[in-house]
C-alpha atoms as a PDB file:
ATOM      1  CA  MET A   1     -63.226  54.435 -17.467  1.00  0.00           C
ATOM      2  CA  THR A   2     -61.847  50.981 -17.933  1.00  0.00           C
ATOM      3  CA  THR A   3     -59.440  49.103 -15.670  1.00  0.00           C
ATOM      4  CA  PRO A   4     -56.715  47.063 -17.409  1.00  0.00           C
ATOM      5  CA  ILE A   5     -56.850  43.382 -16.601  1.00  0.00           C
ATOM      6  CA  ARG A   6     -53.561  41.979 -15.326  1.00  0.00           C
ATOM      7  CA  ARG A   7     -52.605  38.642 -16.852  1.00  0.00           C
ATOM      8  CA  LEU A   8     -51.931  35.991 -14.257  1.00  0.00           C
ATOM      9  CA  PRO A   9     -48.507  34.370 -14.504  1.00  0.00           C
ATOM     10  CA  GLY A  10     -48.553  30.929 -16.074  1.00  0.00           C
ATOM     11  CA  ARG A  11     -47.589  27.857 -14.092  1.00  0.00           C
ATOM     12  CA  VAL A  12     -44.004  26.660 -14.448  1.00  0.00           C
ATOM     13  CA  PRO A  13     -43.876  23.210 -16.032  1.00  0.00           C
ATOM     14  CA  GLY A  14     -42.743  20.326 -13.835  1.00  0.00           C
ATOM     15  CA  TRP A  15     -39.798  19.442 -16.054  1.00  0.00           C
ATOM     16  CA  ALA A  16     -38.502  23.007 -15.725  1.00  0.00           C
ATOM     17  CA  LYS A  17     -38.554  22.722 -11.923  1.00  0.00           C
ATOM     18  CA  VAL A  18     -36.616  19.454 -12.029  1.00  0.00           C
ATOM     19  CA  LEU A  19     -34.079  20.913 -14.453  1.00  0.00           C
ATOM     20  CA  THR A  20     -33.612  23.970 -12.259  1.00  0.00           C
ATOM     21  CA  ALA A  21     -33.081  21.819  -9.178  1.00  0.00           C
ATOM     22  CA  VAL A  22     -30.445  19.724 -10.955  1.00  0.00           C
ATOM     23  CA  VAL A  23     -28.612  22.843 -12.129  1.00  0.00           C
ATOM     24  CA  VAL A  24     -28.639  24.300  -8.607  1.00  0.00           C
ATOM     25  CA  VAL A  25     -27.310  21.063  -7.087  1.00  0.00           C
ATOM     26  CA  LEU A  26     -24.512  20.831  -9.660  1.00  0.00           C
ATOM     27  CA  ALA A  27     -23.628  24.486  -9.154  1.00  0.00           C
ATOM     28  CA  VAL A  28     -23.392  24.022  -5.381  1.00  0.00           C
ATOM     29  CA  LEU A  29     -21.366  20.844  -5.825  1.00  0.00           C
ATOM     30  CA  PHE A  30     -18.789  22.350  -8.151  1.00  0.00           C
ATOM     31  CA  ALA A  31     -18.690  25.559  -6.123  1.00  0.00           C
ATOM     32  CA  GLY A  32     -17.888  23.491  -3.056  1.00  0.00           C
ATOM     33  CA  ILE A  33     -15.117  21.684  -4.908  1.00  0.00           C
ATOM     34  CA  ARG A  34     -13.598  24.969  -6.038  1.00  0.00           C
ATOM     35  CA  LEU A  35     -13.916  26.593  -2.639  1.00  0.00           C
ATOM     36  CA  SER A  36     -12.314  23.615  -0.946  1.00  0.00           C
ATOM     37  CA  VAL A  37      -9.091  24.230  -2.813  1.00  0.00           C
ATOM     38  CA  LEU A  38      -8.966  27.956  -2.113  1.00  0.00           C
ATOM     39  CA  PRO A  39      -6.907  29.006   0.941  1.00  0.00           C
ATOM     40  CA  GLY A  40      -9.055  30.127   3.855  1.00  0.00           C
ATOM     41  CA  LEU A  41     -12.337  28.844   2.382  1.00  0.00           C
ATOM     42  CA  LYS A  42     -11.914  25.094   2.601  1.00  0.00           C
ATOM     43  CA  ASP A  43     -13.442  25.026   6.090  1.00  0.00           C
ATOM     44  CA  LEU A  44     -16.802  26.013   4.611  1.00  0.00           C
ATOM     45  CA  PHE A  45     -17.112  22.515   3.165  1.00  0.00           C
ATOM     46  CA  GLY A  46     -14.841  20.761   5.649  1.00  0.00           C
ATOM     47  CA  THR A  47     -15.507  17.201   6.761  1.00  0.00           C
ATOM     48  CA  GLU A  48     -15.077  15.482  10.091  1.00  0.00           C
ATOM     49  CA  THR A  49     -13.733  11.983  10.549  1.00  0.00           C
ATOM     50  CA  HIS A  50     -15.100   9.717  13.267  1.00  0.00           C
ATOM     51  CA  ASP A  51     -13.625   6.288  13.986  1.00  0.00           C
ATOM     52  CA  ARG A  52     -16.488   4.004  15.023  1.00  0.00           C
ATOM     53  CA  SER A  53     -14.667   0.760  14.332  1.00  0.00           C
ATOM     54  CA  GLY A  54     -15.279  -2.168  16.617  1.00  0.00           C
ATOM     55  CA  PRO A  55     -12.564  -3.920  18.617  1.00  0.00           C
ATOM     56  CA  ALA A  56     -10.117  -6.112  16.712  1.00  0.00           C
ATOM     57  CA  LEU A  57     -10.700  -9.828  17.237  1.00  0.00           C
ATOM     58  CA  LEU A  58      -7.879 -12.357  17.521  1.00  0.00           C
ATOM     59  CA  GLU A  59      -8.625 -15.057  14.942  1.00  0.00           C
ATOM     60  CA  SER A  60      -5.568 -17.260  15.265  1.00  0.00           C
ATOM     61  CA  ILE A  61      -2.011 -17.526  16.596  1.00  0.00           C
ATOM     62  CA  GLN A  62       0.851 -19.055  14.652  1.00  0.00           C
ATOM     63  CA  ASP A  63       4.159 -20.094  16.134  1.00  0.00           C
ATOM     64  CA  ILE A  64       7.109 -18.641  14.210  1.00  0.00           C
ATOM     65  CA  SER A  65      10.417 -20.468  14.176  1.00  0.00           C
ATOM     66  CA  ARG A  66      12.229 -18.252  11.729  1.00  0.00           C
ATOM     67  CA  TYR A  67      15.020 -15.834  12.497  1.00  0.00           C
ATOM     68  CA  ASP A  68      14.602 -12.460  10.811  1.00  0.00           C
ATOM     69  CA  ALA A  69      18.222 -11.639  10.090  1.00  0.00           C
ATOM     70  CA  ALA A  70      18.030  -8.640   7.736  1.00  0.00           C
ATOM     71  CA  THR A  71      15.601  -6.015   6.465  1.00  0.00           C
ATOM     72  CA  GLY A  72      15.886  -4.086   3.215  1.00  0.00           C
ATOM     73  CA  ASN A  73      14.346  -0.645   2.713  1.00  0.00           C
ATOM     74  CA  PHE A  74      13.262   0.083  -0.848  1.00  0.00           C
ATOM     75  CA  GLN A  75      11.661   2.941  -2.766  1.00  0.00           C
ATOM     76  CA  VAL A  76      10.195   2.899  -6.256  1.00  0.00           C
ATOM     77  CA  VAL A  77       8.496   5.503  -8.457  1.00  0.00           C
ATOM     78  CA  VAL A  78       5.485   3.987 -10.221  1.00  0.00           C
ATOM     79  CA  ASP A  79       4.204   5.662 -13.387  1.00  0.00           C
ATOM     80  CA  LEU A  80       0.933   3.927 -14.304  1.00  0.00           C
ATOM     81  CA  GLU A  81      -1.052   5.047 -17.341  1.00  0.00           C
ATOM     82  CA  LYS A  82      -4.351   3.625 -18.579  1.00  0.00           C
ATOM     83  CA  ASP A  83      -5.624   4.496 -22.048  1.00  0.00           C
ATOM     84  CA  THR A  84      -8.860   3.748 -23.879  1.00  0.00           C
ATOM     85  CA  LYS A  85      -8.972   2.974 -27.596  1.00  0.00           C
ATOM     86  CA  PHE A  86     -10.530   5.574 -29.861  1.00  0.00           C
ATOM     87  CA  LEU A  87     -10.928   8.083 -26.990  1.00  0.00           C
ATOM     88  CA  PRO A  88      -8.540  10.909 -26.080  1.00  0.00           C
ATOM     89  CA  ASP A  89      -7.021  10.961 -22.608  1.00  0.00           C
ATOM     90  CA  ALA A  90      -8.986  14.101 -21.770  1.00  0.00           C
ATOM     91  CA  ILE A  91     -12.223  12.091 -22.120  1.00  0.00           C
ATOM     92  CA  ARG A  92     -11.272   8.668 -20.800  1.00  0.00           C
ATOM     93  CA  GLY A  93      -7.938   7.685 -19.299  1.00  0.00           C
ATOM     94  CA  SER A  94      -5.777   8.109 -16.255  1.00  0.00           C
ATOM     95  CA  ARG A  95      -2.145   8.468 -15.272  1.00  0.00           C
ATOM     96  CA  THR A  96      -0.814   8.241 -11.732  1.00  0.00           C
ATOM     97  CA  LEU A  97       2.684   9.009 -10.504  1.00  0.00           C
ATOM     98  CA  TYR A  98       3.208   7.242  -7.182  1.00  0.00           C
ATOM     99  CA  VAL A  99       6.161   6.924  -4.828  1.00  0.00           C
ATOM    100  CA  GLY A 100       6.091   3.587  -3.027  1.00  0.00           C
ATOM    101  CA  ALA A 101       8.356   2.895  -0.044  1.00  0.00           C
ATOM    102  CA  GLY A 102       8.464  -0.426   1.737  1.00  0.00           C
ATOM    103  CA  THR A 103      10.520  -3.106   3.423  1.00  0.00           C
ATOM    104  CA  VAL A 104      11.383  -6.734   2.778  1.00  0.00           C
ATOM    105  CA  ASP A 105      12.623  -9.098   5.493  1.00  0.00           C
ATOM    106  CA  ALA A 106      15.129 -11.879   4.878  1.00  0.00           C
ATOM    107  CA  TYR A 107      14.923 -14.815   7.285  1.00  0.00           C
ATOM    108  CA  VAL A 108      16.283 -18.275   8.026  1.00  0.00           C
ATOM    109  CA  ASP A 109      13.675 -20.893   8.956  1.00  0.00           C
ATOM    110  CA  LEU A 110      15.157 -22.675  11.970  1.00  0.00           C
ATOM    111  CA  GLY A 111      12.061 -24.839  12.267  1.00  0.00           C
ATOM    112  CA  LYS A 112      13.209 -26.930   9.297  1.00  0.00           C
ATOM    113  CA  LEU A 113      16.304 -28.213  11.098  1.00  0.00           C
ATOM    114  CA  GLY A 114      16.422 -31.989  11.419  1.00  0.00           C
ATOM    115  CA  LYS A 115      18.299 -34.120  13.933  1.00  0.00           C
ATOM    116  CA  ASP A 116      21.100 -34.668  11.429  1.00  0.00           C
ATOM    117  CA  ASP A 117      21.498 -30.939  10.777  1.00  0.00           C
ATOM    118  CA  VAL A 118      23.004 -30.237  14.189  1.00  0.00           C
ATOM    119  CA  GLN A 119      26.010 -32.255  15.327  1.00  0.00           C
ATOM    120  CA  VAL A 120      27.921 -31.798  18.592  1.00  0.00           C
ATOM    121  CA  ASP A 121      31.052 -33.708  19.640  1.00  0.00           C
ATOM    122  CA  GLU A 122      31.294 -35.624  22.890  1.00  0.00           C
ATOM    123  CA  ASP A 123      33.250 -32.896  24.642  1.00  0.00           C
ATOM    124  CA  ARG A 124      30.646 -30.297  23.636  1.00  0.00           C
ATOM    125  CA  THR A 125      33.351 -28.012  22.335  1.00  0.00           C
ATOM    126  CA  SER A 126      32.644 -28.328  18.610  1.00  0.00           C
ATOM    127  CA  ALA A 127      29.314 -27.861  16.820  1.00  0.00           C
ATOM    128  CA  THR A 128      28.365 -28.225  13.179  1.00  0.00           C
ATOM    129  CA  LEU A 129      25.097 -26.785  11.890  1.00  0.00           C
ATOM    130  CA  ARG A 130      23.546 -27.035   8.451  1.00  0.00           C
ATOM    131  CA  LEU A 131      20.777 -24.511   7.883  1.00  0.00           C
ATOM    132  CA  PRO A 132      18.354 -23.872   4.988  1.00  0.00           C
ATOM    133  CA  HIS A 133      19.169 -20.934   2.756  1.00  0.00           C
ATOM    134  CA  ALA A 134      17.711 -17.589   3.723  1.00  0.00           C
ATOM    135  CA  ARG A 135      14.432 -16.604   2.106  1.00  0.00           C
ATOM    136  CA  LEU A 136      12.618 -13.348   1.451  1.00  0.00           C
ATOM    137  CA  GLY A 137       9.427 -12.377   3.199  1.00  0.00           C
ATOM    138  CA  THR A 138       6.437 -10.645   1.662  1.00  0.00           C
ATOM    139  CA  PRO A 139       7.108  -6.985   0.755  1.00  0.00           C
ATOM    140  CA  ALA A 140       5.339  -4.568   3.103  1.00  0.00           C
ATOM    141  CA  LEU A 141       4.365  -1.129   1.787  1.00  0.00           C
ATOM    142  CA  ASP A 142       4.803   1.698   4.298  1.00  0.00           C
ATOM    143  CA  PRO A 143       1.782   4.052   4.062  1.00  0.00           C
ATOM    144  CA  GLU A 144       3.606   6.750   6.012  1.00  0.00           C
ATOM    145  CA  ARG A 145       6.339   7.029   3.376  1.00  0.00           C
ATOM    146  CA  SER A 146       4.254   6.260   0.267  1.00  0.00           C
ATOM    147  CA  TYR A 147       2.284   8.927  -1.557  1.00  0.00           C
ATOM    148  CA  ALA A 148       0.826   9.958  -4.911  1.00  0.00           C
ATOM    149  CA  VAL A 149       2.797  12.699  -6.640  1.00  0.00           C
ATOM    150  CA  SER A 150       0.210  13.470  -9.314  1.00  0.00           C
ATOM    151  CA  LYS A 151      -3.052  12.122 -10.706  1.00  0.00           C
ATOM    152  CA  GLU A 152      -4.474  12.863 -14.135  1.00  0.00           C
ATOM    153  CA  ARG A 153      -7.944  11.601 -15.036  1.00  0.00           C
ATOM    154  CA  GLY A 154     -10.242  12.075 -17.978  1.00  0.00           C
ATOM    155  CA  LEU A 155     -13.694  13.615 -17.753  1.00  0.00           C
ATOM    156  CA  LEU A 156     -15.504  10.260 -17.647  1.00  0.00           C
ATOM    157  CA  ASP A 157     -13.174   8.981 -14.935  1.00  0.00           C
ATOM    158  CA  ARG A 158     -13.816  12.084 -12.833  1.00  0.00           C
ATOM    159  CA  LEU A 159     -17.575  11.656 -13.207  1.00  0.00           C
ATOM    160  CA  GLY A 160     -17.226   7.997 -12.297  1.00  0.00           C
ATOM    161  CA  ASP A 161     -15.435   8.946  -9.084  1.00  0.00           C
ATOM    162  CA  LEU A 162     -18.503  10.912  -7.975  1.00  0.00           C
ATOM    163  CA  PHE A 163     -20.580   7.699  -7.902  1.00  0.00           C
ATOM    164  CA  SER A 164     -17.833   5.326  -6.778  1.00  0.00           C
ATOM    165  CA  ASP A 165     -17.617   3.834  -3.292  1.00  0.00           C
ATOM    166  CA  ASN A 166     -13.823   4.148  -3.451  1.00  0.00           C
ATOM    167  CA  PRO A 167     -12.954   7.255  -5.505  1.00  0.00           C
ATOM    168  CA  ASN A 168      -9.352   7.859  -6.559  1.00  0.00           C
ATOM    169  CA  SER A 169      -8.367   4.338  -5.467  1.00  0.00           C
ATOM    170  CA  GLU A 170      -4.609   3.773  -5.429  1.00  0.00           C
ATOM    171  CA  GLN A 171      -4.872   0.010  -5.173  1.00  0.00           C
ATOM    172  CA  ALA A 172      -3.450  -0.605  -8.645  1.00  0.00           C
ATOM    173  CA  VAL A 173      -0.313   1.502  -8.150  1.00  0.00           C
ATOM    174  CA  GLN A 174       0.185   0.085  -4.658  1.00  0.00           C
ATOM    175  CA  LYS A 175       0.150  -3.480  -5.980  1.00  0.00           C
ATOM    176  CA  LEU A 176       2.574  -2.473  -8.706  1.00  0.00           C
ATOM    177  CA  ALA A 177       4.868  -0.834  -6.163  1.00  0.00           C
ATOM    178  CA  VAL A 178       4.871  -4.006  -4.037  1.00  0.00           C
ATOM    179  CA  ARG A 179       5.724  -6.082  -7.117  1.00  0.00           C
ATOM    180  CA  HIS A 180       8.658  -3.854  -8.037  1.00  0.00           C
ATOM    181  CA  ILE A 181       9.944  -3.810  -4.464  1.00  0.00           C
ATOM    182  CA  GLY A 182       9.815  -7.602  -4.330  1.00  0.00           C
ATOM    183  CA  ALA A 183      11.710  -7.863  -7.616  1.00  0.00           C
ATOM    184  CA  ALA A 184      14.364  -5.438  -6.357  1.00  0.00           C
ATOM    185  CA  ALA A 185      14.778  -7.487  -3.177  1.00  0.00           C
ATOM    186  CA  LYS A 186      15.438 -10.631  -5.205  1.00  0.00           C
ATOM    187  CA  GLU A 187      18.196  -8.884  -7.139  1.00  0.00           C
ATOM    188  CA  SER A 188      19.796  -7.482  -3.998  1.00  0.00           C
ATOM    189  CA  GLU A 189      22.202  -9.176  -1.582  1.00  0.00           C
ATOM    190  CA  LEU A 190      19.602  -9.269   1.165  1.00  0.00           C
ATOM    191  CA  THR A 191      19.564 -13.078   1.573  1.00  0.00           C
ATOM    192  CA  ALA A 192      23.367 -13.191   1.665  1.00  0.00           C
ATOM    193  CA  ARG A 193      23.361 -10.574   4.418  1.00  0.00           C
ATOM    194  CA  ALA A 194      20.735 -12.572   6.321  1.00  0.00           C
ATOM    195  CA  GLU A 195      22.858 -15.736   6.207  1.00  0.00           C
ATOM    196  CA  SER A 196      25.935 -13.811   7.352  1.00  0.00           C
ATOM    197  CA  ASN A 197      24.013 -12.287  10.260  1.00  0.00           C
ATOM    198  CA  THR A 198      22.538 -15.663  11.222  1.00  0.00           C
ATOM    199  CA  THR A 199      26.006 -17.214  11.254  1.00  0.00           C
ATOM    200  CA  GLY A 200      27.308 -14.452  13.492  1.00  0.00           C
ATOM    201  CA  MET A 201      24.351 -14.818  15.869  1.00  0.00           C
ATOM    202  CA  LEU A 202      24.784 -18.600  16.205  1.00  0.00           C
ATOM    203  CA  GLU A 203      28.540 -18.385  16.612  1.00  0.00           C
ATOM    204  CA  GLY A 204      28.191 -15.818  19.382  1.00  0.00           C
ATOM    205  CA  LEU A 205      25.456 -17.839  21.104  1.00  0.00           C
ATOM    206  CA  LEU A 206      27.300 -21.162  21.012  1.00  0.00           C
ATOM    207  CA  ARG A 207      30.642 -19.678  22.037  1.00  0.00           C
ATOM    208  CA  SER A 208      28.953 -18.146  25.058  1.00  0.00           C
ATOM    209  CA  LEU A 209      27.852 -21.700  25.967  1.00  0.00           C
ATOM    210  CA  GLY A 210      31.420 -22.984  25.878  1.00  0.00           C
ATOM    211  CA  PHE A 211      31.825 -24.121  22.271  1.00  0.00           C
ATOM    212  CA  THR A 212      35.209 -23.218  20.835  1.00  0.00           C
ATOM    213  CA  LYS A 213      34.593 -24.340  17.280  1.00  0.00           C
ATOM    214  CA  VAL A 214      31.370 -23.542  15.403  1.00  0.00           C
ATOM    215  CA  ASP A 215      30.821 -24.448  11.763  1.00  0.00           C
ATOM    216  CA  VAL A 216      27.668 -23.108  10.075  1.00  0.00           C
ATOM    217  CA  SER A 217      26.767 -23.959   6.479  1.00  0.00           C
ATOM    218  CA  TYR A 218      23.676 -23.490   4.299  1.00  0.00           C
ATOM    219  CA  GLY A 219      21.913 -25.740   1.822  1.00  0.00           C
ATOM    220  CA  ASP A 220      18.477 -26.924   0.773  1.00  0.00           C
END
């Protein structure tokens, strides 16, 4: 009577183990991405945010002599598309639709007044002031009212986001939104409103001090 000899299983090659590990990691990664967008399952791969920032340090103080007389609120829809030559958008390319909301201040710099720009008569009942024209401040984007409506990215861009320190960065559309808001402020009547408000403020202030005649003009 003979006993059959069982053949021992062969050893799995090293490259096969590495390939299997890579496949498992990718499967878990993509499964986590899919589960995170399904209602009720996103907590399985949820993240926690901890603010460990240090205290803010005061670097400098600047004295401001300008009078902020008006503020404009603006909103712009930015449609930014980036294409790559000889490659379809599905492979390499991106398109972002972004709503940018921000403000622009208009001010009069009272620090530029010279001794000849303010004239008062001997009775201190009449005053003549010559002020510089109102100027526009730097546009400030409001993160609470700005948001991305949609983002479309090609396969290579999505893979690049996995290894990027700042994935899905909106810096480009934010800069473009600030540029458009600044251009809109220049075409608006914001500086004219600022000069009108400054005139009203100075007239009210000087009349409360006893001046009966106040003349305010603007020029560079």
